[in-house]
């Protein structure tokens, strides 16, 4: 799951080096993602995993670990 999420983020943010992405990577602070980037990342994750993430749940998502933990709770 981590690798797929990393792939989505690298593609969305046009990153050249995916080694900067770890479980502790903060989308906003570490990758300079803005709110539009974050929304598009979440939409791509929803599409990839065929899920719907309520908007109120997105507010607490900051790191890659947050994303993975949230997705695991949905299973």
N, C-alpha and C. Protein backbone atom coordinates (compact mmCIF):
# COMPACT_ATOMS: atom_id res chain seq x y z
N UNK A 1 0.82 -1.18 0.00
CA UNK A 1 0.00 0.00 0.00
C UNK A 1 0.88 1.26 0.00
N UNK A 2 1.95 1.24 0.78
CA UNK A 2 2.86 2.38 0.85
C UNK A 2 3.40 2.73 -0.53
N UNK A 3 3.83 1.72 -1.27
CA UNK A 3 4.42 1.96 -2.59
C UNK A 3 3.41 2.59 -3.55
N UNK A 4 2.17 2.15 -3.51
CA UNK A 4 1.14 2.70 -4.40
C UNK A 4 0.85 4.15 -4.03
N UNK A 5 0.75 4.44 -2.75
CA UNK A 5 0.49 5.81 -2.31
C UNK A 5 1.66 6.70 -2.68
N UNK A 6 2.87 6.18 -2.49
CA UNK A 6 4.06 6.94 -2.87
C UNK A 6 4.04 7.25 -4.37
N UNK A 7 3.67 6.28 -5.17
CA UNK A 7 3.59 6.47 -6.62
C UNK A 7 2.58 7.56 -6.98
N UNK A 8 1.43 7.57 -6.32
CA UNK A 8 0.40 8.58 -6.58
C UNK A 8 0.93 9.97 -6.22
N UNK A 9 1.61 10.08 -5.09
CA UNK A 9 2.13 11.38 -4.65
C UNK A 9 3.22 11.87 -5.58
N UNK A 10 4.13 11.00 -5.96
CA UNK A 10 5.22 11.38 -6.88
C UNK A 10 4.65 11.90 -8.18
N UNK A 11 3.64 11.20 -8.70
CA UNK A 11 3.03 11.62 -9.96
C UNK A 11 2.30 12.96 -9.81
N UNK A 12 1.53 13.10 -8.74
CA UNK A 12 0.73 14.31 -8.55
C UNK A 12 1.61 15.54 -8.35
N UNK A 13 2.69 15.37 -7.60
CA UNK A 13 3.54 16.52 -7.28
C UNK A 13 4.73 16.67 -8.23
N UNK A 14 4.79 15.80 -9.24
CA UNK A 14 5.89 15.83 -10.21
C UNK A 14 7.27 15.80 -9.54
N UNK A 15 7.43 14.89 -8.60
CA UNK A 15 8.70 14.76 -7.89
C UNK A 15 9.69 13.95 -8.70
N UNK A 16 10.94 14.37 -8.68
CA UNK A 16 11.99 13.64 -9.39
C UNK A 16 12.57 12.51 -8.55
N UNK A 17 12.50 12.67 -7.24
CA UNK A 17 13.14 11.72 -6.33
C UNK A 17 12.12 11.21 -5.32
N UNK A 18 11.75 9.92 -5.44
CA UNK A 18 10.76 9.39 -4.50
C UNK A 18 11.36 8.95 -3.18
N UNK A 19 12.69 9.03 -3.06
CA UNK A 19 13.33 8.61 -1.81
C UNK A 19 13.04 9.59 -0.67
N UNK A 20 12.53 10.78 -0.98
CA UNK A 20 12.20 11.74 0.07
C UNK A 20 10.89 11.37 0.77
N UNK A 21 10.16 10.41 0.22
CA UNK A 21 8.87 10.03 0.79
C UNK A 21 9.05 8.82 1.71
N UNK A 22 8.74 9.05 2.99
CA UNK A 22 8.76 8.00 3.99
C UNK A 22 7.40 7.99 4.69
N UNK A 23 7.22 7.11 5.63
CA UNK A 23 5.97 7.07 6.39
C UNK A 23 5.75 8.38 7.16
N UNK A 24 6.83 9.05 7.55
CA UNK A 24 6.72 10.27 8.34
C UNK A 24 6.66 11.54 7.51
N UNK A 25 6.70 11.41 6.20
CA UNK A 25 6.68 12.58 5.32
C UNK A 25 5.36 13.32 5.47
N UNK A 26 5.46 14.63 5.72
CA UNK A 26 4.30 15.50 5.82
C UNK A 26 4.04 16.10 4.45
N UNK A 27 2.84 15.91 3.93
CA UNK A 27 2.52 16.38 2.58
C UNK A 27 2.74 17.88 2.42
N UNK A 28 2.30 18.65 3.37
CA UNK A 28 2.37 20.10 3.27
C UNK A 28 3.78 20.63 3.58
N UNK A 29 4.31 20.21 4.71
CA UNK A 29 5.59 20.76 5.16
C UNK A 29 6.79 20.21 4.39
N UNK A 30 6.84 18.90 4.21
CA UNK A 30 8.01 18.28 3.59
C UNK A 30 7.98 18.32 2.06
N UNK A 31 6.79 18.24 1.48
CA UNK A 31 6.68 18.16 0.02
C UNK A 31 6.12 19.43 -0.61
N UNK A 32 5.85 20.43 0.21
CA UNK A 32 5.32 21.71 -0.26
C UNK A 32 4.03 21.56 -1.06
N UNK A 33 3.22 20.59 -0.67
CA UNK A 33 1.92 20.41 -1.32
C UNK A 33 0.96 21.48 -0.78
N UNK A 34 0.16 22.04 -1.67
CA UNK A 34 -0.86 22.98 -1.20
C UNK A 34 -2.18 22.22 -1.03
N UNK A 35 -3.21 22.93 -0.64
CA UNK A 35 -4.48 22.26 -0.36
C UNK A 35 -5.07 21.62 -1.62
N UNK A 36 -4.88 22.23 -2.78
CA UNK A 36 -5.36 21.64 -4.02
C UNK A 36 -4.62 20.34 -4.33
N UNK A 37 -3.30 20.33 -4.12
CA UNK A 37 -2.52 19.10 -4.31
C UNK A 37 -3.05 18.00 -3.39
N UNK A 38 -3.30 18.37 -2.13
CA UNK A 38 -3.77 17.38 -1.16
C UNK A 38 -5.11 16.79 -1.59
N UNK A 39 -6.01 17.64 -2.06
CA UNK A 39 -7.32 17.17 -2.51
C UNK A 39 -7.16 16.23 -3.71
N UNK A 40 -6.30 16.59 -4.64
CA UNK A 40 -6.10 15.75 -5.82
C UNK A 40 -5.43 14.42 -5.45
N UNK A 41 -4.53 14.44 -4.49
CA UNK A 41 -3.91 13.20 -4.02
C UNK A 41 -4.98 12.29 -3.41
N UNK A 42 -5.83 12.87 -2.58
CA UNK A 42 -6.90 12.09 -1.94
C UNK A 42 -7.84 11.53 -3.00
N UNK A 43 -8.18 12.34 -4.01
CA UNK A 43 -9.07 11.86 -5.08
C UNK A 43 -8.43 10.70 -5.84
N UNK A 44 -7.13 10.78 -6.08
CA UNK A 44 -6.43 9.69 -6.76
C UNK A 44 -6.38 8.43 -5.90
N UNK A 45 -6.20 8.61 -4.62
CA UNK A 45 -6.20 7.47 -3.70
C UNK A 45 -7.59 6.83 -3.67
N UNK A 46 -8.64 7.66 -3.61
CA UNK A 46 -10.01 7.13 -3.64
C UNK A 46 -10.24 6.30 -4.89
N UNK A 47 -9.79 6.82 -6.01
CA UNK A 47 -9.97 6.11 -7.28
C UNK A 47 -9.17 4.80 -7.30
N UNK A 48 -7.93 4.86 -6.86
CA UNK A 48 -7.05 3.69 -6.89
C UNK A 48 -7.59 2.56 -6.00
N UNK A 49 -8.08 2.92 -4.81
CA UNK A 49 -8.52 1.92 -3.84
C UNK A 49 -10.04 1.72 -3.84
N UNK A 50 -10.74 2.41 -4.75
CA UNK A 50 -12.19 2.31 -4.87
C UNK A 50 -12.90 2.53 -3.54
N UNK A 51 -12.60 3.69 -2.94
CA UNK A 51 -13.19 4.07 -1.66
C UNK A 51 -13.64 5.51 -1.74
N UNK A 52 -14.38 5.94 -0.74
CA UNK A 52 -14.77 7.35 -0.60
C UNK A 52 -14.33 7.81 0.78
N UNK A 53 -13.54 8.88 0.80
CA UNK A 53 -13.06 9.44 2.05
C UNK A 53 -13.85 10.71 2.33
N UNK A 54 -14.62 10.73 3.42
CA UNK A 54 -15.39 11.93 3.75
C UNK A 54 -14.47 13.14 3.98
N UNK A 55 -14.94 14.31 3.54
CA UNK A 55 -14.13 15.52 3.65
C UNK A 55 -13.68 15.81 5.08
N UNK A 56 -14.55 15.54 6.06
CA UNK A 56 -14.19 15.83 7.44
C UNK A 56 -13.05 14.93 7.94
N UNK A 57 -12.89 13.77 7.33
CA UNK A 57 -11.81 12.87 7.72
C UNK A 57 -10.47 13.28 7.11
N UNK A 58 -10.51 14.02 6.03
CA UNK A 58 -9.29 14.43 5.35
C UNK A 58 -8.51 15.45 6.17
N UNK A 59 -9.20 16.24 6.97
CA UNK A 59 -8.55 17.31 7.74
C UNK A 59 -7.44 16.79 8.65
N UNK A 60 -7.58 15.58 9.17
CA UNK A 60 -6.59 15.04 10.09
C UNK A 60 -5.43 14.34 9.40
N UNK A 61 -5.47 14.27 8.08
CA UNK A 61 -4.44 13.57 7.32
C UNK A 61 -3.31 14.53 6.97
N UNK A 62 -2.12 14.26 7.50
CA UNK A 62 -0.96 15.11 7.24
C UNK A 62 0.21 14.32 6.66
N UNK A 63 0.41 13.12 7.19
CA UNK A 63 1.57 12.33 6.78
C UNK A 63 1.15 11.11 5.98
N UNK A 64 2.13 10.47 5.38
CA UNK A 64 1.87 9.23 4.65
C UNK A 64 1.32 8.18 5.60
N UNK A 65 1.86 8.13 6.80
CA UNK A 65 1.36 7.17 7.81
C UNK A 65 -0.11 7.43 8.12
N UNK A 66 -0.50 8.71 8.20
CA UNK A 66 -1.91 9.05 8.44
C UNK A 66 -2.79 8.47 7.33
N UNK A 67 -2.34 8.61 6.10
CA UNK A 67 -3.11 8.10 4.95
C UNK A 67 -3.26 6.59 5.05
N UNK A 68 -2.15 5.90 5.29
CA UNK A 68 -2.17 4.44 5.35
C UNK A 68 -3.02 3.95 6.52
N UNK A 69 -2.86 4.57 7.68
CA UNK A 69 -3.66 4.19 8.85
C UNK A 69 -5.15 4.37 8.57
N UNK A 70 -5.49 5.47 7.92
CA UNK A 70 -6.89 5.73 7.60
C UNK A 70 -7.43 4.66 6.65
N UNK A 71 -6.66 4.33 5.62
CA UNK A 71 -7.10 3.33 4.66
C UNK A 71 -7.24 1.95 5.30
N UNK A 72 -6.35 1.62 6.22
CA UNK A 72 -6.43 0.33 6.90
C UNK A 72 -7.67 0.26 7.80
N UNK A 73 -8.07 1.40 8.38
CA UNK A 73 -9.27 1.43 9.21
C UNK A 73 -10.53 1.21 8.38
N UNK A 74 -10.49 1.60 7.11
CA UNK A 74 -11.65 1.43 6.23
C UNK A 74 -11.87 -0.01 5.80
N UNK A 75 -10.84 -0.84 5.91
CA UNK A 75 -10.95 -2.23 5.46
C UNK A 75 -11.88 -3.02 6.34
